[in-house]
Amino acid sequence: MSTPGNASVLERVRGLAREAAKFGAVGGLGVLVNLGVFNLIRHTTDLQVVRASVIATVVAIATNYLGFRYFAYRDRAQSGRTRELALFAAFSAVGLVIENGVLYTATYGFGWDGPVATNVFKFLGIGTATVFRFWSYRTWVFRALPASAPVPAADAPAGTGPRPGPGRRPEPLPEPAPANN
């Protein structure tokens, strides 16, 4: 037997799973961009490993912002774009430090700097930073719109009702009761 509380928890878990799937789709593309740019730079230039990684991370961050804003979190609040971009840049910078800190430690701390090792530690750094990014982006950058409480029918002015969300049809308003004379 399902109780209203259980249904609410189940809906929240399903919503979080959908959000994580969208975040993962955008992030997966970002990982491909990140690793692709990283390896392109490593094989065509003489840049040091971490510098090449930082450049690749910045390119992936720019790609990811577009994916998050216009796909994964398109239903989230869109006011305050300057604030959103500033927070996204700040949390992305922390993620960049986490990601490239793993690579830096492996390369310069342990001397693991071969082509396979750098890709493995680059990938591990991306994974570690992704956990932080998921939490920070959903909590601070792309915040959920507050749930609006429905107005009770008796208190609602005539001809008004709850506004439909994106892609939803408005519910018909109840017919007024006939006046007794």
C-alpha atoms as a PDB file:
ATOM      1  CA  MET A   1       0.000   0.000   0.000  1.00  0.00           C
ATOM      2  CA  SER A   2       1.342   3.415  -0.960  1.00  0.00           C
ATOM      3  CA  THR A   3       0.930   6.414   1.284  1.00  0.00           C
ATOM      4  CA  PRO A   4       1.054  10.031   0.127  1.00  0.00           C
ATOM      5  CA  GLY A   5       4.450  10.427   1.820  1.00  0.00           C
ATOM      6  CA  ASN A   6       5.869   7.432  -0.046  1.00  0.00           C
ATOM      7  CA  ALA A   7       4.557   8.746  -3.361  1.00  0.00           C
ATOM      8  CA  SER A   8       6.222  12.075  -2.677  1.00  0.00           C
ATOM      9  CA  VAL A   9       9.549  10.407  -1.862  1.00  0.00           C
ATOM     10  CA  LEU A  10       9.256   8.195  -4.936  1.00  0.00           C
ATOM     11  CA  GLU A  11       8.562  11.228  -7.141  1.00  0.00           C
ATOM     12  CA  ARG A  12      11.557  13.046  -5.679  1.00  0.00           C
ATOM     13  CA  VAL A  13      13.795  10.030  -6.362  1.00  0.00           C
ATOM     14  CA  ARG A  14      12.471   9.780  -9.920  1.00  0.00           C
ATOM     15  CA  GLY A  15      13.026  13.520 -10.428  1.00  0.00           C
ATOM     16  CA  LEU A  16      16.580  13.243  -9.120  1.00  0.00           C
ATOM     17  CA  ALA A  17      17.195  10.244 -11.406  1.00  0.00           C
ATOM     18  CA  ARG A  18      15.931  12.227 -14.435  1.00  0.00           C
ATOM     19  CA  GLU A  19      18.100  15.165 -13.444  1.00  0.00           C
ATOM     20  CA  ALA A  20      21.161  12.934 -12.990  1.00  0.00           C
ATOM     21  CA  ALA A  21      20.524  11.334 -16.401  1.00  0.00           C
ATOM     22  CA  LYS A  22      20.365  14.737 -18.127  1.00  0.00           C
ATOM     23  CA  PHE A  23      23.419  15.919 -16.201  1.00  0.00           C
ATOM     24  CA  GLY A  24      25.172  12.709 -17.251  1.00  0.00           C
ATOM     25  CA  ALA A  25      24.286  13.186 -20.919  1.00  0.00           C
ATOM     26  CA  VAL A  26      25.697  16.722 -20.939  1.00  0.00           C
ATOM     27  CA  GLY A  27      28.638  15.644 -18.799  1.00  0.00           C
ATOM     28  CA  GLY A  28      29.353  12.693 -21.096  1.00  0.00           C
ATOM     29  CA  LEU A  29      29.654  15.061 -24.033  1.00  0.00           C
ATOM     30  CA  GLY A  30      31.857  17.289 -21.875  1.00  0.00           C
ATOM     31  CA  VAL A  31      34.130  14.337 -21.037  1.00  0.00           C
ATOM     32  CA  LEU A  32      34.525  13.556 -24.738  1.00  0.00           C
ATOM     33  CA  VAL A  33      35.327  17.203 -25.493  1.00  0.00           C
ATOM     34  CA  ASN A  34      37.705  17.372 -22.519  1.00  0.00           C
ATOM     35  CA  LEU A  35      39.633  14.208 -23.362  1.00  0.00           C
ATOM     36  CA  GLY A  36      39.593  14.966 -27.097  1.00  0.00           C
ATOM     37  CA  VAL A  37      41.010  18.473 -26.685  1.00  0.00           C
ATOM     38  CA  PHE A  38      43.489  17.216 -24.068  1.00  0.00           C
ATOM     39  CA  ASN A  39      44.866  14.510 -26.344  1.00  0.00           C
ATOM     40  CA  LEU A  40      44.876  16.791 -29.380  1.00  0.00           C
ATOM     41  CA  ILE A  41      46.965  19.348 -27.495  1.00  0.00           C
ATOM     42  CA  ARG A  42      49.250  16.661 -26.029  1.00  0.00           C
ATOM     43  CA  HIS A  43      49.981  15.131 -29.436  1.00  0.00           C
ATOM     44  CA  THR A  44      50.318  18.338 -31.461  1.00  0.00           C
ATOM     45  CA  THR A  45      52.133  20.678 -29.050  1.00  0.00           C
ATOM     46  CA  ASP A  46      54.887  20.588 -26.451  1.00  0.00           C
ATOM     47  CA  LEU A  47      52.694  21.938 -23.647  1.00  0.00           C
ATOM     48  CA  GLN A  48      53.104  20.330 -20.271  1.00  0.00           C
ATOM     49  CA  VAL A  49      50.461  17.828 -19.205  1.00  0.00           C
ATOM     50  CA  VAL A  50      48.609  19.959 -16.664  1.00  0.00           C
ATOM     51  CA  ARG A  51      48.597  23.047 -18.886  1.00  0.00           C
ATOM     52  CA  ALA A  52      47.106  21.020 -21.731  1.00  0.00           C
ATOM     53  CA  SER A  53      44.565  19.630 -19.282  1.00  0.00           C
ATOM     54  CA  VAL A  54      43.549  23.057 -17.994  1.00  0.00           C
ATOM     55  CA  ILE A  55      42.928  24.281 -21.562  1.00  0.00           C
ATOM     56  CA  ALA A  56      40.864  21.170 -22.321  1.00  0.00           C
ATOM     57  CA  THR A  57      38.888  21.609 -19.103  1.00  0.00           C
ATOM     58  CA  VAL A  58      38.053  25.232 -19.936  1.00  0.00           C
ATOM     59  CA  VAL A  59      36.800  24.226 -23.411  1.00  0.00           C
ATOM     60  CA  ALA A  60      34.667  21.476 -21.840  1.00  0.00           C
ATOM     61  CA  ILE A  61      33.288  23.898 -19.224  1.00  0.00           C
ATOM     62  CA  ALA A  62      32.095  26.255 -21.971  1.00  0.00           C
ATOM     63  CA  THR A  63      30.480  23.343 -23.828  1.00  0.00           C
ATOM     64  CA  ASN A  64      28.859  22.084 -20.643  1.00  0.00           C
ATOM     65  CA  TYR A  65      27.352  25.454 -19.741  1.00  0.00           C
ATOM     66  CA  LEU A  66      25.427  25.488 -23.003  1.00  0.00           C
ATOM     67  CA  GLY A  67      24.227  21.927 -22.438  1.00  0.00           C
ATOM     68  CA  PHE A  68      23.219  22.531 -18.840  1.00  0.00           C
ATOM     69  CA  ARG A  69      21.405  25.812 -19.463  1.00  0.00           C
ATOM     70  CA  TYR A  70      19.579  24.773 -22.625  1.00  0.00           C
ATOM     71  CA  PHE A  71      19.036  21.043 -21.999  1.00  0.00           C
ATOM     72  CA  ALA A  72      19.561  19.649 -18.512  1.00  0.00           C
ATOM     73  CA  TYR A  73      18.327  22.649 -16.538  1.00  0.00           C
ATOM     74  CA  ARG A  74      16.191  24.462 -19.100  1.00  0.00           C
ATOM     75  CA  ASP A  75      13.192  24.274 -16.759  1.00  0.00           C
ATOM     76  CA  ARG A  76      15.048  26.018 -13.933  1.00  0.00           C
ATOM     77  CA  ALA A  77      14.938  29.702 -13.018  1.00  0.00           C
ATOM     78  CA  GLN A  78      16.407  31.863 -15.768  1.00  0.00           C
ATOM     79  CA  SER A  79      16.430  35.223 -14.052  1.00  0.00           C
ATOM     80  CA  GLY A  80      19.759  36.635 -13.001  1.00  0.00           C
ATOM     81  CA  ARG A  81      21.833  35.307 -15.879  1.00  0.00           C
ATOM     82  CA  THR A  82      24.863  37.318 -14.693  1.00  0.00           C
ATOM     83  CA  ARG A  83      24.627  35.712 -11.253  1.00  0.00           C
ATOM     84  CA  GLU A  84      24.168  32.288 -12.841  1.00  0.00           C
ATOM     85  CA  LEU A  85      27.241  32.709 -15.062  1.00  0.00           C
ATOM     86  CA  ALA A  86      29.346  34.000 -12.164  1.00  0.00           C
ATOM     87  CA  LEU A  87      28.382  31.066  -9.936  1.00  0.00           C
ATOM     88  CA  PHE A  88      28.857  28.598 -12.793  1.00  0.00           C
ATOM     89  CA  ALA A  89      32.345  30.011 -13.449  1.00  0.00           C
ATOM     90  CA  ALA A  90      33.249  29.926  -9.750  1.00  0.00           C
ATOM     91  CA  PHE A  91      32.104  26.349  -9.161  1.00  0.00           C
ATOM     92  CA  SER A  92      33.608  25.267 -12.485  1.00  0.00           C
ATOM     93  CA  ALA A  93      36.930  26.753 -11.372  1.00  0.00           C
ATOM     94  CA  VAL A  94      36.781  24.695  -8.169  1.00  0.00           C
ATOM     95  CA  GLY A  95      36.004  21.631 -10.309  1.00  0.00           C
ATOM     96  CA  LEU A  96      38.939  22.523 -12.570  1.00  0.00           C
ATOM     97  CA  VAL A  97      41.257  22.595  -9.535  1.00  0.00           C
ATOM     98  CA  ILE A  98      39.927  19.251  -8.285  1.00  0.00           C
ATOM     99  CA  GLU A  99      40.184  17.633 -11.726  1.00  0.00           C
ATOM    100  CA  ASN A 100      43.634  18.923 -12.525  1.00  0.00           C
ATOM    101  CA  GLY A 101      44.863  18.478  -8.955  1.00  0.00           C
ATOM    102  CA  VAL A 102      44.425  14.722  -9.382  1.00  0.00           C
ATOM    103  CA  LEU A 103      46.400  14.844 -12.640  1.00  0.00           C
ATOM    104  CA  TYR A 104      49.051  17.131 -11.130  1.00  0.00           C
ATOM    105  CA  THR A 105      49.540  14.809  -8.147  1.00  0.00           C
ATOM    106  CA  ALA A 106      49.864  11.732 -10.355  1.00  0.00           C
ATOM    107  CA  THR A 107      52.201  13.442 -12.835  1.00  0.00           C
ATOM    108  CA  TYR A 108      54.470  15.477 -10.589  1.00  0.00           C
ATOM    109  CA  GLY A 109      53.970  13.708  -7.259  1.00  0.00           C
ATOM    110  CA  PHE A 110      54.340  10.129  -8.466  1.00  0.00           C
ATOM    111  CA  GLY A 111      55.926  10.547 -11.897  1.00  0.00           C
ATOM    112  CA  TRP A 112      53.073   8.799 -13.705  1.00  0.00           C
ATOM    113  CA  ASP A 113      53.194  10.800 -16.915  1.00  0.00           C
ATOM    114  CA  GLY A 114      52.953   8.306 -19.778  1.00  0.00           C
ATOM    115  CA  PRO A 115      50.145   8.669 -22.333  1.00  0.00           C
ATOM    116  CA  VAL A 116      47.965   5.986 -20.738  1.00  0.00           C
ATOM    117  CA  ALA A 117      48.621   7.151 -17.172  1.00  0.00           C
ATOM    118  CA  THR A 118      47.813  10.783 -17.955  1.00  0.00           C
ATOM    119  CA  ASN A 119      44.513   9.784 -19.566  1.00  0.00           C
ATOM    120  CA  VAL A 120      43.613   7.510 -16.654  1.00  0.00           C
ATOM    121  CA  PHE A 121      44.322  10.222 -14.081  1.00  0.00           C
ATOM    122  CA  LYS A 122      42.661  12.882 -16.219  1.00  0.00           C
ATOM    123  CA  PHE A 123      39.553  10.672 -16.316  1.00  0.00           C
ATOM    124  CA  LEU A 124      39.708  10.025 -12.531  1.00  0.00           C
ATOM    125  CA  GLY A 125      40.031  13.770 -11.947  1.00  0.00           C
ATOM    126  CA  ILE A 126      37.001  14.419 -14.147  1.00  0.00           C
ATOM    127  CA  GLY A 127      35.009  11.837 -12.185  1.00  0.00           C
ATOM    128  CA  THR A 128      35.994  13.291  -8.826  1.00  0.00           C
ATOM    129  CA  ALA A 129      35.177  16.842  -9.930  1.00  0.00           C
ATOM    130  CA  THR A 130      31.861  15.704 -11.434  1.00  0.00           C
ATOM    131  CA  VAL A 131      30.479  14.764  -8.017  1.00  0.00           C
ATOM    132  CA  PHE A 132      31.265  18.269  -6.757  1.00  0.00           C
ATOM    133  CA  ARG A 133      29.904  19.911  -9.904  1.00  0.00           C
ATOM    134  CA  PHE A 134      26.599  18.005  -9.803  1.00  0.00           C
ATOM    135  CA  TRP A 135      25.996  19.053  -6.216  1.00  0.00           C
ATOM    136  CA  SER A 136      27.054  22.680  -6.670  1.00  0.00           C
ATOM    137  CA  TYR A 137      25.317  23.307 -10.001  1.00  0.00           C
ATOM    138  CA  ARG A 138      21.983  21.912  -8.875  1.00  0.00           C
ATOM    139  CA  THR A 139      22.183  23.565  -5.444  1.00  0.00           C
ATOM    140  CA  TRP A 140      23.535  27.013  -6.304  1.00  0.00           C
ATOM    141  CA  VAL A 141      23.647  27.684 -10.046  1.00  0.00           C
ATOM    142  CA  PHE A 142      20.587  26.114 -11.686  1.00  0.00           C
ATOM    143  CA  ARG A 143      18.215  26.280  -8.738  1.00  0.00           C
ATOM    144  CA  ALA A 144      14.788  24.718  -8.970  1.00  0.00           C
ATOM    145  CA  LEU A 145      11.888  27.087  -9.223  1.00  0.00           C
ATOM    146  CA  PRO A 146       9.908  27.208  -5.975  1.00  0.00           C
ATOM    147  CA  ALA A 147       6.784  25.088  -6.013  1.00  0.00           C
ATOM    148  CA  SER A 148       3.739  27.319  -6.104  1.00  0.00           C
ATOM    149  CA  ALA A 149       0.945  26.383  -3.753  1.00  0.00           C
ATOM    150  CA  PRO A 150      -2.423  26.036  -5.473  1.00  0.00           C
ATOM    151  CA  VAL A 151      -5.000  28.610  -4.471  1.00  0.00           C
ATOM    152  CA  PRO A 152      -8.068  26.964  -2.912  1.00  0.00           C
ATOM    153  CA  ALA A 153     -11.068  27.227  -5.262  1.00  0.00           C
ATOM    154  CA  ALA A 154     -13.211  29.066  -2.705  1.00  0.00           C
ATOM    155  CA  ASP A 155     -10.577  31.803  -2.302  1.00  0.00           C
ATOM    156  CA  ALA A 156      -9.664  32.150  -5.982  1.00  0.00           C
ATOM    157  CA  PRO A 157     -11.105  35.083  -7.905  1.00  0.00           C
ATOM    158  CA  ALA A 158     -13.506  34.119 -10.687  1.00  0.00           C
ATOM    159  CA  GLY A 159     -11.802  33.155 -13.953  1.00  0.00           C
ATOM    160  CA  THR A 160      -8.478  32.295 -12.349  1.00  0.00           C
ATOM    161  CA  GLY A 161      -6.869  29.024 -11.580  1.00  0.00           C
ATOM    162  CA  PRO A 162      -3.451  27.508 -11.297  1.00  0.00           C
ATOM    163  CA  ARG A 163      -1.235  28.385 -14.218  1.00  0.00           C
ATOM    164  CA  PRO A 164      -0.139  25.453 -16.332  1.00  0.00           C
ATOM    165  CA  GLY A 165       3.564  24.586 -16.430  1.00  0.00           C
ATOM    166  CA  PRO A 166       5.549  24.224 -19.634  1.00  0.00           C
ATOM    167  CA  GLY A 167       3.976  21.621 -21.909  1.00  0.00           C
ATOM    168  CA  ARG A 168       0.903  21.177 -19.701  1.00  0.00           C
ATOM    169  CA  ARG A 169      -2.687  21.964 -20.524  1.00  0.00           C
ATOM    170  CA  PRO A 170      -4.579  24.201 -18.170  1.00  0.00           C
ATOM    171  CA  GLU A 171      -7.170  22.429 -16.084  1.00  0.00           C
ATOM    172  CA  PRO A 172     -10.705  23.623 -16.739  1.00  0.00           C
ATOM    173  CA  LEU A 173     -12.201  25.776 -14.026  1.00  0.00           C
ATOM    174  CA  PRO A 174     -15.254  24.423 -12.245  1.00  0.00           C
ATOM    175  CA  GLU A 175     -18.566  25.850 -13.407  1.00  0.00           C
ATOM    176  CA  PRO A 176     -20.038  28.352 -10.939  1.00  0.00           C
ATOM    177  CA  ALA A 177     -23.046  27.136  -9.023  1.00  0.00           C
ATOM    178  CA  PRO A 178     -26.377  28.616 -10.202  1.00  0.00           C
ATOM    179  CA  ALA A 179     -27.602  31.473  -8.036  1.00  0.00           C
ATOM    180  CA  ASN A 180     -30.655  30.711  -5.909  1.00  0.00           C
ATOM    181  CA  ASN A 181     -33.320  33.439  -6.189  1.00  0.00           C
END
